[in-house]
Amino acid sequence: SNEEQNFGQWQIPGGEIEGKNLKEELKRELKEELGVKLISASFLFYVTTVRGNVHFFKTKIRGKITLQKEEVSIYGWFGLDNIHKYNLSSSTQEAVRRLNG
Protein backbone atom coordinates (compact mmCIF):
# COMPACT_ATOMS: atom_id res chain seq x y z
CA SER A 1 0.00 0.00 0.00
CA ASN A 2 0.98 3.66 -0.27
CA GLU A 3 1.26 3.92 3.52
CA GLU A 4 3.76 1.03 3.54
CA GLN A 5 5.75 2.54 0.65
CA ASN A 6 6.07 5.88 2.47
CA PHE A 7 6.61 4.48 5.98
CA GLY A 8 9.43 6.37 7.68
CA GLN A 9 9.35 9.19 5.17
CA TRP A 10 8.26 12.78 5.63
CA GLN A 11 5.41 13.88 3.42
CA ILE A 12 2.98 16.75 3.11
CA PRO A 13 -0.47 16.00 4.62
CA GLY A 14 -3.01 14.69 2.13
CA GLY A 15 -4.76 11.62 0.88
CA GLU A 16 -6.98 9.96 -1.66
CA ILE A 17 -9.53 12.13 -3.43
CA GLU A 18 -12.97 10.73 -2.75
CA GLY A 19 -14.98 13.50 -4.38
CA LYS A 20 -14.51 15.94 -7.24
CA ASN A 21 -14.02 19.16 -5.26
CA LEU A 22 -10.30 19.38 -4.45
CA LYS A 23 -10.72 22.09 -1.80
CA GLU A 24 -13.40 20.07 0.00
CA GLU A 25 -11.12 17.04 -0.07
CA LEU A 26 -8.24 19.16 1.24
CA LYS A 27 -10.47 20.41 4.05
CA ARG A 28 -11.44 16.82 4.94
CA GLU A 29 -7.84 15.55 4.88
CA LEU A 30 -6.52 18.38 7.07
CA LYS A 31 -9.26 17.68 9.61
CA GLU A 32 -8.67 13.90 9.46
CA GLU A 33 -4.88 13.98 9.70
CA LEU A 34 -4.14 17.07 11.78
CA GLY A 35 -7.44 18.05 13.41
CA VAL A 36 -7.29 21.60 12.00
CA LYS A 37 -9.78 23.76 10.09
CA LEU A 38 -9.00 25.00 6.59
CA ILE A 39 -9.40 28.79 6.33
CA SER A 40 -8.16 29.33 2.77
CA ALA A 41 -6.36 27.45 0.01
CA SER A 42 -4.83 28.36 -3.31
CA PHE A 43 -3.71 25.76 -5.84
CA LEU A 44 0.05 25.71 -6.54
CA PHE A 45 0.72 22.77 -8.89
CA TYR A 46 0.39 19.02 -9.24
CA VAL A 47 2.92 16.20 -9.49
CA THR A 48 2.19 13.05 -11.50
CA THR A 49 3.09 9.81 -9.70
CA VAL A 50 2.49 6.13 -10.39
CA ARG A 51 -0.66 6.40 -8.24
CA GLY A 52 -2.01 9.48 -10.04
CA ASN A 53 -1.75 13.24 -9.67
CA VAL A 54 -0.79 14.75 -6.32
CA HIS A 55 -2.16 18.30 -5.95
CA PHE A 56 -0.37 20.88 -3.80
CA PHE A 57 -1.99 23.92 -2.20
CA LYS A 58 -0.81 26.89 -0.17
CA THR A 59 -3.09 26.90 2.87
CA LYS A 60 -4.07 28.90 5.91
CA ILE A 61 -5.31 26.76 8.80
CA ARG A 62 -6.78 27.37 12.24
CA GLY A 63 -6.69 25.27 15.35
CA LYS A 64 -4.28 23.26 17.42
CA ILE A 65 -2.65 20.38 15.57
CA THR A 66 -3.94 17.13 17.03
CA LEU A 67 -2.37 14.12 15.35
CA GLN A 68 -4.68 11.31 14.36
CA LYS A 69 -2.39 8.39 15.29
CA GLU A 70 -3.77 6.06 12.63
CA GLU A 71 -2.95 8.72 10.01
CA VAL A 72 0.18 10.53 11.25
CA SER A 73 2.84 9.56 13.80
CA ILE A 74 4.77 12.85 14.04
CA TYR A 75 4.83 16.28 12.41
CA GLY A 76 7.38 19.04 11.95
CA TRP A 77 7.90 22.40 10.31
CA PHE A 78 10.83 22.65 7.90
CA GLY A 79 12.31 25.46 5.85
CA LEU A 80 12.95 24.94 2.15
CA ASP A 81 16.62 25.64 2.79
CA ASN A 82 17.15 22.56 4.99
CA ILE A 83 14.33 20.14 4.16
CA HIS A 84 16.58 18.18 1.79
CA LYS A 85 18.31 16.72 4.88
CA TYR A 86 15.23 14.59 5.63
CA ASN A 87 13.95 11.33 4.13
CA LEU A 88 11.12 12.68 1.94
CA SER A 89 8.53 10.81 -0.10
CA SER A 90 9.05 11.12 -3.87
CA SER A 91 6.08 13.48 -4.37
CA THR A 92 7.30 15.69 -1.50
CA GLN A 93 10.80 15.76 -3.04
CA GLU A 94 9.30 16.94 -6.33
CA ALA A 95 7.19 19.58 -4.55
CA VAL A 96 10.27 20.93 -2.76
CA ARG A 97 12.19 21.02 -6.05
CA ARG A 98 9.41 23.05 -7.68
CA LEU A 99 9.03 25.39 -4.71
CA ASN A 100 12.78 26.08 -4.71
CA GLY A 101 12.49 27.02 -8.40
C-alpha atoms as a PDB file:
ATOM      1  CA  SER A   1       0.000   0.000   0.000  1.00  0.00           C
ATOM      2  CA  ASN A   2       0.978   3.660  -0.268  1.00  0.00           C
ATOM      3  CA  GLU A   3       1.260   3.917   3.520  1.00  0.00           C
ATOM      4  CA  GLU A   4       3.758   1.032   3.543  1.00  0.00           C
ATOM      5  CA  GLN A   5       5.751   2.536   0.650  1.00  0.00           C
ATOM      6  CA  ASN A   6       6.071   5.883   2.469  1.00  0.00           C
ATOM      7  CA  PHE A   7       6.615   4.481   5.984  1.00  0.00           C
ATOM      8  CA  GLY A   8       9.432   6.367   7.685  1.00  0.00           C
ATOM      9  CA  GLN A   9       9.354   9.192   5.166  1.00  0.00           C
ATOM     10  CA  TRP A  10       8.256  12.776   5.626  1.00  0.00           C
ATOM     11  CA  GLN A  11       5.409  13.878   3.418  1.00  0.00           C
ATOM     12  CA  ILE A  12       2.980  16.751   3.106  1.00  0.00           C
ATOM     13  CA  PRO A  13      -0.472  15.995   4.617  1.00  0.00           C
ATOM     14  CA  GLY A  14      -3.013  14.690   2.131  1.00  0.00           C
ATOM     15  CA  GLY A  15      -4.756  11.618   0.877  1.00  0.00           C
ATOM     16  CA  GLU A  16      -6.981   9.963  -1.664  1.00  0.00           C
ATOM     17  CA  ILE A  17      -9.530  12.134  -3.432  1.00  0.00           C
ATOM     18  CA  GLU A  18     -12.975  10.729  -2.748  1.00  0.00           C
ATOM     19  CA  GLY A  19     -14.977  13.501  -4.383  1.00  0.00           C
ATOM     20  CA  LYS A  20     -14.508  15.936  -7.242  1.00  0.00           C
ATOM     21  CA  ASN A  21     -14.024  19.156  -5.265  1.00  0.00           C
ATOM     22  CA  LEU A  22     -10.303  19.385  -4.451  1.00  0.00           C
ATOM     23  CA  LYS A  23     -10.716  22.093  -1.800  1.00  0.00           C
ATOM     24  CA  GLU A  24     -13.399  20.073   0.003  1.00  0.00           C
ATOM     25  CA  GLU A  25     -11.116  17.036  -0.070  1.00  0.00           C
ATOM     26  CA  LEU A  26      -8.242  19.161   1.245  1.00  0.00           C
ATOM     27  CA  LYS A  27     -10.470  20.410   4.053  1.00  0.00           C
ATOM     28  CA  ARG A  28     -11.439  16.823   4.945  1.00  0.00           C
ATOM     29  CA  GLU A  29      -7.841  15.551   4.877  1.00  0.00           C
ATOM     30  CA  LEU A  30      -6.519  18.379   7.073  1.00  0.00           C
ATOM     31  CA  LYS A  31      -9.265  17.678   9.609  1.00  0.00           C
ATOM     32  CA  GLU A  32      -8.672  13.897   9.464  1.00  0.00           C
ATOM     33  CA  GLU A  33      -4.882  13.981   9.702  1.00  0.00           C
ATOM     34  CA  LEU A  34      -4.137  17.073  11.781  1.00  0.00           C
ATOM     35  CA  GLY A  35      -7.436  18.052  13.412  1.00  0.00           C
ATOM     36  CA  VAL A  36      -7.295  21.605  12.002  1.00  0.00           C
ATOM     37  CA  LYS A  37      -9.783  23.758  10.093  1.00  0.00           C
ATOM     38  CA  LEU A  38      -9.003  25.002   6.590  1.00  0.00           C
ATOM     39  CA  ILE A  39      -9.402  28.790   6.325  1.00  0.00           C
ATOM     40  CA  SER A  40      -8.162  29.330   2.767  1.00  0.00           C
ATOM     41  CA  ALA A  41      -6.364  27.451   0.015  1.00  0.00           C
ATOM     42  CA  SER A  42      -4.835  28.364  -3.315  1.00  0.00           C
ATOM     43  CA  PHE A  43      -3.712  25.760  -5.835  1.00  0.00           C
ATOM     44  CA  LEU A  44       0.047  25.708  -6.536  1.00  0.00           C
ATOM     45  CA  PHE A  45       0.724  22.766  -8.889  1.00  0.00           C
ATOM     46  CA  TYR A  46       0.391  19.024  -9.240  1.00  0.00           C
ATOM     47  CA  VAL A  47       2.918  16.195  -9.490  1.00  0.00           C
ATOM     48  CA  THR A  48       2.195  13.052 -11.501  1.00  0.00           C
ATOM     49  CA  THR A  49       3.092   9.814  -9.697  1.00  0.00           C
ATOM     50  CA  VAL A  50       2.487   6.127 -10.387  1.00  0.00           C
ATOM     51  CA  ARG A  51      -0.657   6.399  -8.239  1.00  0.00           C
ATOM     52  CA  GLY A  52      -2.009   9.479 -10.036  1.00  0.00           C
ATOM     53  CA  ASN A  53      -1.749  13.238  -9.674  1.00  0.00           C
ATOM     54  CA  VAL A  54      -0.786  14.750  -6.318  1.00  0.00           C
ATOM     55  CA  HIS A  55      -2.160  18.299  -5.950  1.00  0.00           C
ATOM     56  CA  PHE A  56      -0.367  20.880  -3.796  1.00  0.00           C
ATOM     57  CA  PHE A  57      -1.988  23.922  -2.200  1.00  0.00           C
ATOM     58  CA  LYS A  58      -0.810  26.892  -0.167  1.00  0.00           C
ATOM     59  CA  THR A  59      -3.089  26.904   2.868  1.00  0.00           C
ATOM     60  CA  LYS A  60      -4.066  28.898   5.915  1.00  0.00           C
ATOM     61  CA  ILE A  61      -5.311  26.761   8.797  1.00  0.00           C
ATOM     62  CA  ARG A  62      -6.784  27.373  12.237  1.00  0.00           C
ATOM     63  CA  GLY A  63      -6.690  25.267  15.349  1.00  0.00           C
ATOM     64  CA  LYS A  64      -4.279  23.255  17.420  1.00  0.00           C
ATOM     65  CA  ILE A  65      -2.655  20.383  15.570  1.00  0.00           C
ATOM     66  CA  THR A  66      -3.938  17.133  17.027  1.00  0.00           C
ATOM     67  CA  LEU A  67      -2.368  14.116  15.354  1.00  0.00           C
ATOM     68  CA  GLN A  68      -4.676  11.309  14.359  1.00  0.00           C
ATOM     69  CA  LYS A  69      -2.395   8.394  15.295  1.00  0.00           C
ATOM     70  CA  GLU A  70      -3.771   6.061  12.625  1.00  0.00           C
ATOM     71  CA  GLU A  71      -2.955   8.719  10.014  1.00  0.00           C
ATOM     72  CA  VAL A  72       0.181  10.533  11.255  1.00  0.00           C
ATOM     73  CA  SER A  73       2.836   9.558  13.801  1.00  0.00           C
ATOM     74  CA  ILE A  74       4.768  12.849  14.041  1.00  0.00           C
ATOM     75  CA  TYR A  75       4.831  16.279  12.410  1.00  0.00           C
ATOM     76  CA  GLY A  76       7.375  19.041  11.951  1.00  0.00           C
ATOM     77  CA  TRP A  77       7.901  22.404  10.309  1.00  0.00           C
ATOM     78  CA  PHE A  78      10.832  22.653   7.901  1.00  0.00           C
ATOM     79  CA  GLY A  79      12.311  25.465   5.851  1.00  0.00           C
ATOM     80  CA  LEU A  80      12.945  24.944   2.154  1.00  0.00           C
ATOM     81  CA  ASP A  81      16.625  25.638   2.793  1.00  0.00           C
ATOM     82  CA  ASN A  82      17.155  22.561   4.992  1.00  0.00           C
ATOM     83  CA  ILE A  83      14.328  20.145   4.165  1.00  0.00           C
ATOM     84  CA  HIS A  84      16.581  18.178   1.785  1.00  0.00           C
ATOM     85  CA  LYS A  85      18.313  16.716   4.883  1.00  0.00           C
ATOM     86  CA  TYR A  86      15.234  14.587   5.626  1.00  0.00           C
ATOM     87  CA  ASN A  87      13.950  11.327   4.133  1.00  0.00           C
ATOM     88  CA  LEU A  88      11.118  12.679   1.941  1.00  0.00           C
ATOM     89  CA  SER A  89       8.525  10.814  -0.099  1.00  0.00           C
ATOM     90  CA  SER A  90       9.046  11.123  -3.866  1.00  0.00           C
ATOM     91  CA  SER A  91       6.078  13.483  -4.368  1.00  0.00           C
ATOM     92  CA  THR A  92       7.303  15.689  -1.504  1.00  0.00           C
ATOM     93  CA  GLN A  93      10.803  15.759  -3.044  1.00  0.00           C
ATOM     94  CA  GLU A  94       9.299  16.942  -6.333  1.00  0.00           C
ATOM     95  CA  ALA A  95       7.193  19.582  -4.552  1.00  0.00           C
ATOM     96  CA  VAL A  96      10.275  20.925  -2.763  1.00  0.00           C
ATOM     97  CA  ARG A  97      12.193  21.017  -6.048  1.00  0.00           C
ATOM     98  CA  ARG A  98       9.408  23.048  -7.677  1.00  0.00           C
ATOM     99  CA  LEU A  99       9.030  25.393  -4.714  1.00  0.00           C
ATOM    100  CA  ASN A 100      12.776  26.082  -4.715  1.00  0.00           C
ATOM    101  CA  GLY A 101      12.486  27.022  -8.403  1.00  0.00           C
END
